[in-house]
Amino acid sequence: MDTRSPSSDARSALRRRAAAMLAQGRKHADIASAPGIHLTTVSSWNVFLRKHGEAKFVADGRAGGKGAPKLLAEEEEDRLRRGLNTSLPDEHGLEFPLWTREAVCALCHKLFRKTPIKRTINNHPHRWGFTPQVPVVRAREQDAAQAGRWVATDHPELERKAKEEDALILWRDETGVSTTANVTRGYAPEGWTPEVRMNARRVTRPVISAISNRGDMRWMVYAGGIKVPLLLVFLTRLVRSMRGRKVLLVWDNLRVHHAKEVKEWLEPRKKLIEVAYLPPYSPQLQPDERLNRALKGDLSRMPITSTPKEAFSRIKSALAAIQGRRDRVAGFFTGPHAAYAAAK
């Protein structure tokens, strides 16, 4: 029975009866079984009764309801809220990456030497307007000023150059796609655990892709690691596919991108292709990263592959399906961190 449901008089009568049985030394299980309430409810009643007396226990209606003492005073709640609102746990010397119930309890103990119950700590953030959030993962090595300068100055200058030269800006990245099934859970009869069979040897296929904010997409699937000869093959095919139109290619600071052979290949082809480098450790500024995630999500919903050849074919099919939807490709330039590169 939910002890909050009955009327105030009924709750008082129930609690008066419980107080009498506790005074008689009756077991908590006996007190809980008669009205059909939870054993932990009786335990919390007993604690409240011993601390505040029978009169307050019966009058309050429920131990945690109106009139029950609060762990934190109003000024302490305000201080706690400001701590959560303007900082992360590590700034308070706590070994937590984000604010969780455990982290909030630890901050309460550090600030006020008070430790709230974890199951009740959610009440405070909800009341203050906090909601669960998925964090943006950012490298500690990232230079925030350099990343900001790219968004505010360097990228607008690149757009101006593309407009003057009638060039297409493409954002290039690479990823590795595994054929291992991404099976998390599925339906099965109660008491029977399903079994997923897959190859013991995992096959990974690297993918190179380049996208524009207008929905253009180029890609290549290959075997092995990305090295200078393979990168030059992709660049050659990319230039050929543009049929004379210039490409401004934006990519990260992968070592192979700075290779001497790559720079020598680019030098005589400035009328066809030029490159721009993203700030170091700034994957959130690369819209092509969202294509990588979308590709892996699409593959995870497909049947399990049994051979490397089948996996290779399936990856190409998934890429072709994404390429066929220009609106979806352009959608990778939305969101709080990639929107700066969206089509104007």
C-alpha atoms as a PDB file:
ATOM      1  CA  MET A   1       0.000   0.000   0.000  1.00  0.00           C
ATOM      2  CA  ASP A   2       1.179   3.498  -0.817  1.00  0.00           C
ATOM      3  CA  THR A   3       0.958   5.281   2.551  1.00  0.00           C
ATOM      4  CA  ARG A   4       0.537   8.626   0.742  1.00  0.00           C
ATOM      5  CA  SER A   5      -2.777   7.552  -0.793  1.00  0.00           C
ATOM      6  CA  PRO A   6      -5.120   7.401   2.257  1.00  0.00           C
ATOM      7  CA  SER A   7      -6.684  10.502   3.744  1.00  0.00           C
ATOM      8  CA  SER A   8      -4.909  12.449   6.461  1.00  0.00           C
ATOM      9  CA  ASP A   9      -7.100  10.897   9.193  1.00  0.00           C
ATOM     10  CA  ALA A  10      -6.485   7.402   7.838  1.00  0.00           C
ATOM     11  CA  ARG A  11      -2.748   7.981   7.755  1.00  0.00           C
ATOM     12  CA  SER A  12      -2.779   9.257  11.319  1.00  0.00           C
ATOM     13  CA  ALA A  13      -4.747   6.204  12.491  1.00  0.00           C
ATOM     14  CA  LEU A  14      -2.360   3.877  10.682  1.00  0.00           C
ATOM     15  CA  ARG A  15       0.677   5.530  12.180  1.00  0.00           C
ATOM     16  CA  ARG A  16      -0.893   5.597  15.673  1.00  0.00           C
ATOM     17  CA  ARG A  17      -1.423   1.863  15.421  1.00  0.00           C
ATOM     18  CA  ALA A  18       2.145   1.369  14.215  1.00  0.00           C
ATOM     19  CA  ALA A  19       3.496   3.462  17.109  1.00  0.00           C
ATOM     20  CA  ALA A  20       1.603   1.302  19.584  1.00  0.00           C
ATOM     21  CA  MET A  21       2.937  -1.912  18.049  1.00  0.00           C
ATOM     22  CA  LEU A  22       6.491  -0.529  18.037  1.00  0.00           C
ATOM     23  CA  ALA A  23       6.091   0.368  21.704  1.00  0.00           C
ATOM     24  CA  GLN A  24       5.076  -3.248  22.372  1.00  0.00           C
ATOM     25  CA  GLY A  25       8.280  -4.432  20.765  1.00  0.00           C
ATOM     26  CA  ARG A  26       6.569  -6.067  17.800  1.00  0.00           C
ATOM     27  CA  LYS A  27       8.674  -7.020  14.778  1.00  0.00           C
ATOM     28  CA  HIS A  28       8.749  -4.668  11.809  1.00  0.00           C
ATOM     29  CA  ALA A  29       7.565  -7.474   9.537  1.00  0.00           C
ATOM     30  CA  ASP A  30       4.435  -7.971  11.663  1.00  0.00           C
ATOM     31  CA  ILE A  31       3.631  -4.254  11.578  1.00  0.00           C
ATOM     32  CA  ALA A  32       4.100  -4.107   7.792  1.00  0.00           C
ATOM     33  CA  SER A  33       2.076  -7.240   6.974  1.00  0.00           C
ATOM     34  CA  ALA A  34      -1.260  -6.166   8.483  1.00  0.00           C
ATOM     35  CA  PRO A  35      -1.940  -3.019   6.380  1.00  0.00           C
ATOM     36  CA  GLY A  36       0.271  -4.286   3.512  1.00  0.00           C
ATOM     37  CA  ILE A  37       3.005  -1.656   3.575  1.00  0.00           C
ATOM     38  CA  HIS A  38       6.672  -2.013   2.767  1.00  0.00           C
ATOM     39  CA  LEU A  39       9.125  -3.119   5.418  1.00  0.00           C
ATOM     40  CA  THR A  40      11.428  -0.129   4.774  1.00  0.00           C
ATOM     41  CA  THR A  41       8.475   2.200   5.453  1.00  0.00           C
ATOM     42  CA  VAL A  42       8.141   0.777   8.952  1.00  0.00           C
ATOM     43  CA  SER A  43      11.884   1.137   9.476  1.00  0.00           C
ATOM     44  CA  SER A  44      11.810   4.816   8.494  1.00  0.00           C
ATOM     45  CA  TRP A  45       8.782   5.332  10.748  1.00  0.00           C
ATOM     46  CA  ASN A  46      10.675   3.846  13.666  1.00  0.00           C
ATOM     47  CA  VAL A  47      13.627   6.195  13.129  1.00  0.00           C
ATOM     48  CA  PHE A  48      11.341   9.232  12.853  1.00  0.00           C
ATOM     49  CA  LEU A  49       9.342   8.152  15.933  1.00  0.00           C
ATOM     50  CA  ARG A  50      12.414   7.821  18.115  1.00  0.00           C
ATOM     51  CA  LYS A  51      13.794  11.144  16.966  1.00  0.00           C
ATOM     52  CA  HIS A  52      10.658  13.318  17.120  1.00  0.00           C
ATOM     53  CA  GLY A  53       8.180  11.541  19.374  1.00  0.00           C
ATOM     54  CA  GLU A  54       4.727  10.043  18.850  1.00  0.00           C
ATOM     55  CA  ALA A  55       2.781  13.327  18.648  1.00  0.00           C
ATOM     56  CA  LYS A  56       4.792  14.684  15.724  1.00  0.00           C
ATOM     57  CA  PHE A  57       4.966  11.244  14.122  1.00  0.00           C
ATOM     58  CA  VAL A  58       1.175  10.866  14.059  1.00  0.00           C
ATOM     59  CA  ALA A  59       0.456  14.506  13.114  1.00  0.00           C
ATOM     60  CA  ASP A  60       2.868  14.719  10.151  1.00  0.00           C
ATOM     61  CA  GLY A  61       1.012  12.107   8.144  1.00  0.00           C
ATOM     62  CA  ARG A  62       4.234  10.727   6.671  1.00  0.00           C
ATOM     63  CA  ALA A  63       7.817  10.812   7.877  1.00  0.00           C
ATOM     64  CA  GLY A  64       9.196  12.633   4.861  1.00  0.00           C
ATOM     65  CA  GLY A  65       6.243  14.959   4.316  1.00  0.00           C
ATOM     66  CA  LYS A  66       5.450  18.502   5.239  1.00  0.00           C
ATOM     67  CA  GLY A  67       6.946  19.443   8.567  1.00  0.00           C
ATOM     68  CA  ALA A  68       9.752  16.890   8.414  1.00  0.00           C
ATOM     69  CA  PRO A  69      13.158  18.377   9.129  1.00  0.00           C
ATOM     70  CA  LYS A  70      15.318  19.218   6.082  1.00  0.00           C
ATOM     71  CA  LEU A  71      18.914  18.102   5.957  1.00  0.00           C
ATOM     72  CA  LEU A  72      20.156  21.332   4.355  1.00  0.00           C
ATOM     73  CA  ALA A  73      19.271  24.848   5.408  1.00  0.00           C
ATOM     74  CA  GLU A  74      18.160  27.303   2.711  1.00  0.00           C
ATOM     75  CA  GLU A  75      21.520  29.063   2.562  1.00  0.00           C
ATOM     76  CA  GLU A  76      23.248  25.676   2.272  1.00  0.00           C
ATOM     77  CA  GLU A  77      20.941  24.675  -0.589  1.00  0.00           C
ATOM     78  CA  ASP A  78      21.748  27.959  -2.369  1.00  0.00           C
ATOM     79  CA  ARG A  79      25.467  27.343  -1.980  1.00  0.00           C
ATOM     80  CA  LEU A  80      25.114  23.785  -3.235  1.00  0.00           C
ATOM     81  CA  ARG A  81      23.096  24.939  -6.246  1.00  0.00           C
ATOM     82  CA  ARG A  82      25.714  27.545  -7.171  1.00  0.00           C
ATOM     83  CA  GLY A  83      28.405  24.873  -6.933  1.00  0.00           C
ATOM     84  CA  LEU A  84      26.559  22.602  -9.339  1.00  0.00           C
ATOM     85  CA  ASN A  85      25.608  25.435 -11.671  1.00  0.00           C
ATOM     86  CA  THR A  86      29.001  26.972 -12.333  1.00  0.00           C
ATOM     87  CA  SER A  87      31.541  24.162 -12.043  1.00  0.00           C
ATOM     88  CA  LEU A  88      32.285  20.472 -12.452  1.00  0.00           C
ATOM     89  CA  PRO A  89      33.229  18.057  -9.643  1.00  0.00           C
ATOM     90  CA  ASP A  90      36.979  18.118 -10.332  1.00  0.00           C
ATOM     91  CA  GLU A  91      37.004  21.876  -9.672  1.00  0.00           C
ATOM     92  CA  HIS A  92      35.953  21.052  -6.096  1.00  0.00           C
ATOM     93  CA  GLY A  93      38.665  18.424  -5.722  1.00  0.00           C
ATOM     94  CA  LEU A  94      36.225  15.539  -6.240  1.00  0.00           C
ATOM     95  CA  GLU A  95      37.163  12.531  -8.359  1.00  0.00           C
ATOM     96  CA  PHE A  96      34.010  12.542 -10.499  1.00  0.00           C
ATOM     97  CA  PRO A  97      33.805  13.618 -14.165  1.00  0.00           C
ATOM     98  CA  LEU A  98      30.140  14.745 -13.973  1.00  0.00           C
ATOM     99  CA  TRP A  99      27.510  15.607 -11.401  1.00  0.00           C
ATOM    100  CA  THR A 100      25.853  12.373 -10.289  1.00  0.00           C
ATOM    101  CA  ARG A 101      24.067  11.457  -7.066  1.00  0.00           C
ATOM    102  CA  GLU A 102      27.357  10.217  -5.628  1.00  0.00           C
ATOM    103  CA  ALA A 103      29.135  13.417  -6.634  1.00  0.00           C
ATOM    104  CA  VAL A 104      26.426  15.665  -5.132  1.00  0.00           C
ATOM    105  CA  CYS A 105      26.526  13.668  -1.884  1.00  0.00           C
ATOM    106  CA  ALA A 106      30.319  14.028  -1.805  1.00  0.00           C
ATOM    107  CA  LEU A 107      30.050  17.805  -2.321  1.00  0.00           C
ATOM    108  CA  CYS A 108      27.475  18.077   0.477  1.00  0.00           C
ATOM    109  CA  HIS A 109      29.816  16.236   2.814  1.00  0.00           C
ATOM    110  CA  LYS A 110      32.776  18.391   1.807  1.00  0.00           C
ATOM    111  CA  LEU A 111      30.929  21.701   2.166  1.00  0.00           C
ATOM    112  CA  PHE A 112      28.669  21.037   5.150  1.00  0.00           C
ATOM    113  CA  ARG A 113      29.799  17.711   6.648  1.00  0.00           C
ATOM    114  CA  LYS A 114      26.332  16.370   5.820  1.00  0.00           C
ATOM    115  CA  THR A 115      25.633  13.311   3.688  1.00  0.00           C
ATOM    116  CA  PRO A 116      22.124  13.015   2.218  1.00  0.00           C
ATOM    117  CA  ILE A 117      20.619   9.676   1.212  1.00  0.00           C
ATOM    118  CA  LYS A 118      21.434   8.968  -2.431  1.00  0.00           C
ATOM    119  CA  ARG A 119      17.875   8.008  -3.362  1.00  0.00           C
ATOM    120  CA  THR A 120      16.605  11.414  -2.214  1.00  0.00           C
ATOM    121  CA  ILE A 121      19.355  13.610  -3.694  1.00  0.00           C
ATOM    122  CA  ASN A 122      17.539  13.801  -7.059  1.00  0.00           C
ATOM    123  CA  ASN A 123      14.975  16.119  -5.474  1.00  0.00           C
ATOM    124  CA  HIS A 124      17.426  19.016  -5.330  1.00  0.00           C
ATOM    125  CA  PRO A 125      18.656  19.112  -8.978  1.00  0.00           C
ATOM    126  CA  HIS A 126      15.115  18.559 -10.307  1.00  0.00           C
ATOM    127  CA  ARG A 127      13.780  21.414  -8.213  1.00  0.00           C
ATOM    128  CA  TRP A 128      16.554  23.699  -9.486  1.00  0.00           C
ATOM    129  CA  GLY A 129      15.801  22.917 -13.138  1.00  0.00           C
ATOM    130  CA  PHE A 130      18.694  20.523 -13.748  1.00  0.00           C
ATOM    131  CA  THR A 131      18.119  17.722 -16.279  1.00  0.00           C
ATOM    132  CA  PRO A 132      20.237  14.684 -17.309  1.00  0.00           C
ATOM    133  CA  GLN A 133      22.691  15.707 -20.032  1.00  0.00           C
ATOM    134  CA  VAL A 134      24.989  13.814 -22.402  1.00  0.00           C
ATOM    135  CA  PRO A 135      28.406  15.463 -22.052  1.00  0.00           C
ATOM    136  CA  VAL A 136      30.612  16.678 -24.862  1.00  0.00           C
ATOM    137  CA  VAL A 137      33.935  14.838 -24.619  1.00  0.00           C
ATOM    138  CA  ARG A 138      36.788  17.273 -25.101  1.00  0.00           C
ATOM    139  CA  ALA A 139      40.512  16.566 -24.921  1.00  0.00           C
ATOM    140  CA  ARG A 140      42.440  18.229 -22.123  1.00  0.00           C
ATOM    141  CA  GLU A 141      45.138  19.082 -24.657  1.00  0.00           C
ATOM    142  CA  GLN A 142      42.773  21.192 -26.766  1.00  0.00           C
ATOM    143  CA  ASP A 143      43.572  24.887 -27.010  1.00  0.00           C
ATOM    144  CA  ALA A 144      40.170  26.519 -26.485  1.00  0.00           C
ATOM    145  CA  ALA A 145      41.372  29.863 -27.882  1.00  0.00           C
ATOM    146  CA  GLN A 146      42.614  28.210 -31.064  1.00  0.00           C
ATOM    147  CA  ALA A 147      39.341  26.298 -31.491  1.00  0.00           C
ATOM    148  CA  GLY A 148      37.382  29.503 -30.991  1.00  0.00           C
ATOM    149  CA  ARG A 149      39.543  31.318 -33.526  1.00  0.00           C
ATOM    150  CA  TRP A 150      38.826  28.588 -36.090  1.00  0.00           C
ATOM    151  CA  VAL A 151      35.065  29.035 -35.694  1.00  0.00           C
ATOM    152  CA  ALA A 152      35.091  32.837 -35.533  1.00  0.00           C
ATOM    153  CA  THR A 153      37.809  33.712 -38.066  1.00  0.00           C
ATOM    154  CA  ASP A 154      39.471  30.877 -39.973  1.00  0.00           C
ATOM    155  CA  HIS A 155      36.336  29.100 -41.190  1.00  0.00           C
ATOM    156  CA  PRO A 156      34.560  32.287 -42.375  1.00  0.00           C
ATOM    157  CA  GLU A 157      37.733  33.141 -44.309  1.00  0.00           C
ATOM    158  CA  LEU A 158      37.665  29.666 -45.863  1.00  0.00           C
ATOM    159  CA  GLU A 159      34.031  30.196 -46.906  1.00  0.00           C
ATOM    160  CA  ARG A 160      34.931  33.545 -48.468  1.00  0.00           C
ATOM    161  CA  LYS A 161      37.747  31.894 -50.436  1.00  0.00           C
ATOM    162  CA  ALA A 162      35.410  29.114 -51.623  1.00  0.00           C
ATOM    163  CA  LYS A 163      32.887  31.676 -52.846  1.00  0.00           C
ATOM    164  CA  GLU A 164      35.502  33.693 -54.713  1.00  0.00           C
ATOM    165  CA  GLU A 165      36.987  30.636 -56.434  1.00  0.00           C
ATOM    166  CA  ASP A 166      33.707  28.723 -56.874  1.00  0.00           C
ATOM    167  CA  ALA A 167      35.246  25.901 -54.853  1.00  0.00           C
ATOM    168  CA  LEU A 168      33.537  23.188 -52.809  1.00  0.00           C
ATOM    169  CA  ILE A 169      34.467  22.776 -49.136  1.00  0.00           C
ATOM    170  CA  LEU A 170      34.692  19.109 -48.163  1.00  0.00           C
ATOM    171  CA  TRP A 171      35.306  17.834 -44.640  1.00  0.00           C
ATOM    172  CA  ARG A 172      37.407  14.655 -44.589  1.00  0.00           C
ATOM    173  CA  ASP A 173      37.847  12.062 -41.853  1.00  0.00           C
ATOM    174  CA  GLU A 174      38.494   8.353 -41.436  1.00  0.00           C
ATOM    175  CA  THR A 175      37.188   5.657 -39.117  1.00  0.00           C
ATOM    176  CA  GLY A 176      37.384   1.920 -38.550  1.00  0.00           C
ATOM    177  CA  VAL A 177      34.240  -0.192 -38.879  1.00  0.00           C
ATOM    178  CA  SER A 178      34.093  -3.605 -37.226  1.00  0.00           C
ATOM    179  CA  THR A 179      31.948  -6.532 -38.317  1.00  0.00           C
ATOM    180  CA  THR A 180      31.327  -7.525 -34.692  1.00  0.00           C
ATOM    181  CA  ALA A 181      27.616  -7.349 -33.928  1.00  0.00           C
ATOM    182  CA  ASN A 182      26.575  -4.533 -31.645  1.00  0.00           C
ATOM    183  CA  VAL A 183      23.885  -6.516 -29.857  1.00  0.00           C
ATOM    184  CA  THR A 184      22.767  -4.993 -26.580  1.00  0.00           C
ATOM    185  CA  ARG A 185      19.441  -6.640 -25.718  1.00  0.00           C
ATOM    186  CA  GLY A 186      16.434  -8.293 -27.291  1.00  0.00           C
ATOM    187  CA  TYR A 187      13.216 -10.091 -26.383  1.00  0.00           C
ATOM    188  CA  ALA A 188      13.294 -13.622 -24.969  1.00  0.00           C
ATOM    189  CA  PRO A 189      11.107 -15.751 -22.657  1.00  0.00           C
ATOM    190  CA  GLU A 190      11.640 -15.055 -18.977  1.00  0.00           C
ATOM    191  CA  GLY A 191      14.329 -17.287 -17.531  1.00  0.00           C
ATOM    192  CA  TRP A 192      15.934 -18.057 -20.901  1.00  0.00           C
ATOM    193  CA  THR A 193      19.004 -16.103 -22.008  1.00  0.00           C
ATOM    194  CA  PRO A 194      19.376 -15.855 -25.800  1.00  0.00           C
ATOM    195  CA  GLU A 195      22.692 -16.632 -27.465  1.00  0.00           C
ATOM    196  CA  VAL A 196      24.281 -14.657 -30.304  1.00  0.00           C
ATOM    197  CA  ARG A 197      26.752 -16.507 -32.511  1.00  0.00           C
ATOM    198  CA  MET A 198      29.449 -14.562 -34.337  1.00  0.00           C
ATOM    199  CA  ASN A 199      32.935 -15.067 -35.726  1.00  0.00           C
ATOM    200  CA  ALA A 200      35.657 -15.220 -33.096  1.00  0.00           C
ATOM    201  CA  ARG A 201      37.976 -13.265 -35.384  1.00  0.00           C
ATOM    202  CA  ARG A 202      36.942  -9.671 -35.754  1.00  0.00           C
ATOM    203  CA  VAL A 203      37.357  -8.050 -39.150  1.00  0.00           C
ATOM    204  CA  THR A 204      37.814  -4.278 -39.289  1.00  0.00           C
ATOM    205  CA  ARG A 205      37.560  -2.204 -42.441  1.00  0.00           C
ATOM    206  CA  PRO A 206      38.824   1.403 -42.435  1.00  0.00           C
ATOM    207  CA  VAL A 207      36.695   3.992 -44.222  1.00  0.00           C
ATOM    208  CA  ILE A 208      37.723   7.381 -45.656  1.00  0.00           C
ATOM    209  CA  SER A 209      34.941   9.859 -46.312  1.00  0.00           C
ATOM    210  CA  ALA A 210      34.462  13.499 -47.237  1.00  0.00           C
ATOM    211  CA  ILE A 211      31.200  15.479 -47.030  1.00  0.00           C
ATOM    212  CA  SER A 212      29.934  18.984 -47.777  1.00  0.00           C
ATOM    213  CA  ASN A 213      27.212  21.014 -46.099  1.00  0.00           C
ATOM    214  CA  ARG A 214      25.218  20.795 -49.364  1.00  0.00           C
ATOM    215  CA  GLY A 215      24.938  17.005 -49.131  1.00  0.00           C
ATOM    216  CA  ASP A 216      27.890  15.953 -51.331  1.00  0.00           C
ATOM    217  CA  MET A 217      29.709  12.823 -50.209  1.00  0.00           C
ATOM    218  CA  ARG A 218      32.783  10.869 -51.340  1.00  0.00           C
ATOM    219  CA  TRP A 219      34.055   7.698 -49.679  1.00  0.00           C
ATOM    220  CA  MET A 220      36.426   4.764 -49.986  1.00  0.00           C
ATOM    221  CA  VAL A 221      36.667   1.450 -48.102  1.00  0.00           C
ATOM    222  CA  TYR A 222      40.044  -0.227 -47.896  1.00  0.00           C
ATOM    223  CA  ALA A 223      42.097  -2.772 -45.929  1.00  0.00           C
ATOM    224  CA  GLY A 224      44.977  -2.035 -43.565  1.00  0.00           C
ATOM    225  CA  GLY A 225      46.069   1.255 -42.024  1.00  0.00           C
ATOM    226  CA  ILE A 226      45.974   4.598 -43.768  1.00  0.00           C
ATOM    227  CA  LYS A 227      49.364   5.387 -45.306  1.00  0.00           C
ATOM    228  CA  VAL A 228      50.632   7.942 -47.805  1.00  0.00           C
ATOM    229  CA  PRO A 229      50.066   5.866 -50.982  1.00  0.00           C
ATOM    230  CA  LEU A 230      46.491   5.056 -49.986  1.00  0.00           C
ATOM    231  CA  LEU A 231      45.755   8.680 -49.065  1.00  0.00           C
ATOM    232  CA  LEU A 232      47.079   9.830 -52.433  1.00  0.00           C
ATOM    233  CA  VAL A 233      44.796   7.335 -54.168  1.00  0.00           C
ATOM    234  CA  PHE A 234      41.805   8.843 -52.368  1.00  0.00           C
ATOM    235  CA  LEU A 235      42.876  12.405 -53.179  1.00  0.00           C
ATOM    236  CA  THR A 236      43.426  11.501 -56.840  1.00  0.00           C
ATOM    237  CA  ARG A 237      39.960   9.967 -57.098  1.00  0.00           C
ATOM    238  CA  LEU A 238      38.464  12.930 -55.272  1.00  0.00           C
ATOM    239  CA  VAL A 239      39.985  15.471 -57.682  1.00  0.00           C
ATOM    240  CA  ARG A 240      38.909  13.373 -60.674  1.00  0.00           C
ATOM    241  CA  SER A 241      35.319  13.174 -59.393  1.00  0.00           C
ATOM    242  CA  MET A 242      35.087  16.988 -59.193  1.00  0.00           C
ATOM    243  CA  ARG A 243      35.577  17.335 -62.986  1.00  0.00           C
ATOM    244  CA  GLY A 244      37.667  20.464 -62.807  1.00  0.00           C
ATOM    245  CA  ARG A 245      35.972  22.193 -59.882  1.00  0.00           C
ATOM    246  CA  LYS A 246      38.319  23.126 -57.061  1.00  0.00           C
ATOM    247  CA  VAL A 247      38.128  21.445 -53.649  1.00  0.00           C
ATOM    248  CA  LEU A 248      38.992  23.017 -50.309  1.00  0.00           C
ATOM    249  CA  LEU A 249      39.568  19.991 -48.102  1.00  0.00           C
ATOM    250  CA  VAL A 250      39.295  20.337 -44.311  1.00  0.00           C
ATOM    251  CA  TRP A 251      40.949  17.588 -42.285  1.00  0.00           C
ATOM    252  CA  ASP A 252      42.585  16.973 -38.922  1.00  0.00           C
ATOM    253  CA  ASN A 253      46.230  16.830 -37.898  1.00  0.00           C
ATOM    254  CA  LEU A 254      46.823  13.129 -38.495  1.00  0.00           C
ATOM    255  CA  ARG A 255      50.523  12.549 -39.053  1.00  0.00           C
ATOM    256  CA  VAL A 256      50.038  11.261 -42.587  1.00  0.00           C
ATOM    257  CA  HIS A 257      48.318  14.555 -43.513  1.00  0.00           C
ATOM    258  CA  HIS A 258      51.576  16.386 -42.819  1.00  0.00           C
ATOM    259  CA  ALA A 259      53.739  13.891 -44.723  1.00  0.00           C
ATOM    260  CA  LYS A 260      56.299  15.332 -47.144  1.00  0.00           C
ATOM    261  CA  GLU A 261      54.971  13.192 -50.018  1.00  0.00           C
ATOM    262  CA  VAL A 262      51.426  14.532 -49.487  1.00  0.00           C
ATOM    263  CA  LYS A 263      52.594  18.149 -49.526  1.00  0.00           C
ATOM    264  CA  GLU A 264      54.631  17.490 -52.675  1.00  0.00           C
ATOM    265  CA  TRP A 265      51.570  15.967 -54.331  1.00  0.00           C
ATOM    266  CA  LEU A 266      49.391  18.961 -53.378  1.00  0.00           C
ATOM    267  CA  GLU A 267      51.834  21.688 -54.438  1.00  0.00           C
ATOM    268  CA  PRO A 268      51.385  21.470 -58.247  1.00  0.00           C
ATOM    269  CA  ARG A 269      47.628  20.950 -57.924  1.00  0.00           C
ATOM    270  CA  LYS A 270      46.685  24.163 -56.095  1.00  0.00           C
ATOM    271  CA  LYS A 271      44.191  25.057 -58.794  1.00  0.00           C
ATOM    272  CA  LEU A 272      42.342  21.807 -58.123  1.00  0.00           C
ATOM    273  CA  ILE A 273      42.731  21.158 -54.400  1.00  0.00           C
ATOM    274  CA  GLU A 274      43.922  22.930 -51.251  1.00  0.00           C
ATOM    275  CA  VAL A 275      43.779  21.734 -47.657  1.00  0.00           C
ATOM    276  CA  ALA A 276      43.001  23.389 -44.320  1.00  0.00           C
ATOM    277  CA  TYR A 277      43.789  21.927 -40.914  1.00  0.00           C
ATOM    278  CA  LEU A 278      41.374  21.829 -37.994  1.00  0.00           C
ATOM    279  CA  PRO A 279      42.730  22.883 -34.585  1.00  0.00           C
ATOM    280  CA  PRO A 280      44.490  19.982 -32.830  1.00  0.00           C
ATOM    281  CA  TYR A 281      42.386  17.758 -30.532  1.00  0.00           C
ATOM    282  CA  SER A 282      39.108  19.198 -31.830  1.00  0.00           C
ATOM    283  CA  PRO A 283      37.028  16.308 -33.233  1.00  0.00           C
ATOM    284  CA  GLN A 284      33.791  18.044 -32.201  1.00  0.00           C
ATOM    285  CA  LEU A 285      34.476  20.639 -34.920  1.00  0.00           C
ATOM    286  CA  GLN A 286      34.576  17.938 -37.620  1.00  0.00           C
ATOM    287  CA  PRO A 287      31.077  17.276 -39.084  1.00  0.00           C
ATOM    288  CA  ASP A 288      32.363  14.106 -40.755  1.00  0.00           C
ATOM    289  CA  GLU A 289      32.625  12.575 -37.260  1.00  0.00           C
ATOM    290  CA  ARG A 290      28.823  12.494 -37.216  1.00  0.00           C
ATOM    291  CA  LEU A 291      28.846  10.545 -40.476  1.00  0.00           C
ATOM    292  CA  ASN A 292      31.126   7.990 -38.823  1.00  0.00           C
ATOM    293  CA  ARG A 293      28.707   7.561 -35.936  1.00  0.00           C
ATOM    294  CA  ALA A 294      25.727   7.302 -38.284  1.00  0.00           C
ATOM    295  CA  LEU A 295      27.481   4.621 -40.348  1.00  0.00           C
ATOM    296  CA  LYS A 296      28.264   2.507 -37.291  1.00  0.00           C
ATOM    297  CA  GLY A 297      24.690   2.931 -36.043  1.00  0.00           C
ATOM    298  CA  ASP A 298      23.265   1.778 -39.376  1.00  0.00           C
ATOM    299  CA  LEU A 299      25.566  -1.260 -39.447  1.00  0.00           C
ATOM    300  CA  SER A 300      24.692  -2.234 -35.874  1.00  0.00           C
ATOM    301  CA  ARG A 301      21.051  -2.683 -36.898  1.00  0.00           C
ATOM    302  CA  MET A 302      21.917  -5.002 -39.791  1.00  0.00           C
ATOM    303  CA  PRO A 303      22.226  -8.814 -39.592  1.00  0.00           C
ATOM    304  CA  ILE A 304      25.532 -10.264 -38.431  1.00  0.00           C
ATOM    305  CA  THR A 305      28.036 -10.872 -41.223  1.00  0.00           C
ATOM    306  CA  SER A 306      29.704 -14.283 -41.551  1.00  0.00           C
ATOM    307  CA  THR A 307      32.648 -13.540 -43.888  1.00  0.00           C
ATOM    308  CA  PRO A 308      35.023 -10.595 -44.488  1.00  0.00           C
ATOM    309  CA  LYS A 309      33.750 -10.343 -48.069  1.00  0.00           C
ATOM    310  CA  GLU A 310      30.161 -10.039 -46.855  1.00  0.00           C
ATOM    311  CA  ALA A 311      31.187  -7.430 -44.284  1.00  0.00           C
ATOM    312  CA  PHE A 312      33.016  -5.422 -46.962  1.00  0.00           C
ATOM    313  CA  SER A 313      29.940  -5.487 -49.198  1.00  0.00           C
ATOM    314  CA  ARG A 314      27.628  -4.462 -46.356  1.00  0.00           C
ATOM    315  CA  ILE A 315      29.789  -1.480 -45.379  1.00  0.00           C
ATOM    316  CA  LYS A 316      29.760  -0.248 -48.986  1.00  0.00           C
ATOM    317  CA  SER A 317      25.983  -0.671 -49.170  1.00  0.00           C
ATOM    318  CA  ALA A 318      25.503   1.323 -45.969  1.00  0.00           C
ATOM    319  CA  LEU A 319      27.745   4.115 -47.254  1.00  0.00           C
ATOM    320  CA  ALA A 320      25.937   4.208 -50.596  1.00  0.00           C
ATOM    321  CA  ALA A 321      22.589   4.441 -48.794  1.00  0.00           C
ATOM    322  CA  ILE A 322      23.777   7.455 -46.800  1.00  0.00           C
ATOM    323  CA  GLN A 323      25.283   9.043 -49.912  1.00  0.00           C
ATOM    324  CA  GLY A 324      21.948   8.708 -51.703  1.00  0.00           C
ATOM    325  CA  ARG A 325      20.268  10.984 -49.142  1.00  0.00           C
ATOM    326  CA  ARG A 326      21.726  14.462 -49.529  1.00  0.00           C
ATOM    327  CA  ASP A 327      19.421  15.802 -46.834  1.00  0.00           C
ATOM    328  CA  ARG A 328      20.837  13.332 -44.334  1.00  0.00           C
ATOM    329  CA  VAL A 329      24.422  14.210 -45.249  1.00  0.00           C
ATOM    330  CA  ALA A 330      23.656  17.924 -44.868  1.00  0.00           C
ATOM    331  CA  GLY A 331      22.102  17.106 -41.490  1.00  0.00           C
ATOM    332  CA  PHE A 332      25.518  16.130 -40.150  1.00  0.00           C
ATOM    333  CA  PHE A 333      26.268  19.859 -40.080  1.00  0.00           C
ATOM    334  CA  THR A 334      23.605  20.525 -37.447  1.00  0.00           C
ATOM    335  CA  GLY A 335      24.024  20.432 -33.697  1.00  0.00           C
ATOM    336  CA  PRO A 336      25.664  22.834 -31.278  1.00  0.00           C
ATOM    337  CA  HIS A 337      29.283  22.183 -32.361  1.00  0.00           C
ATOM    338  CA  ALA A 338      29.052  21.526 -36.115  1.00  0.00           C
ATOM    339  CA  ALA A 339      26.388  24.126 -36.922  1.00  0.00           C
ATOM    340  CA  TYR A 340      29.051  26.786 -37.591  1.00  0.00           C
ATOM    341  CA  ALA A 341      29.829  24.912 -40.844  1.00  0.00           C
ATOM    342  CA  ALA A 342      26.214  24.483 -41.969  1.00  0.00           C
ATOM    343  CA  ALA A 343      25.048  25.894 -45.290  1.00  0.00           C
ATOM    344  CA  LYS A 344      24.042  29.538 -45.017  1.00  0.00           C
END
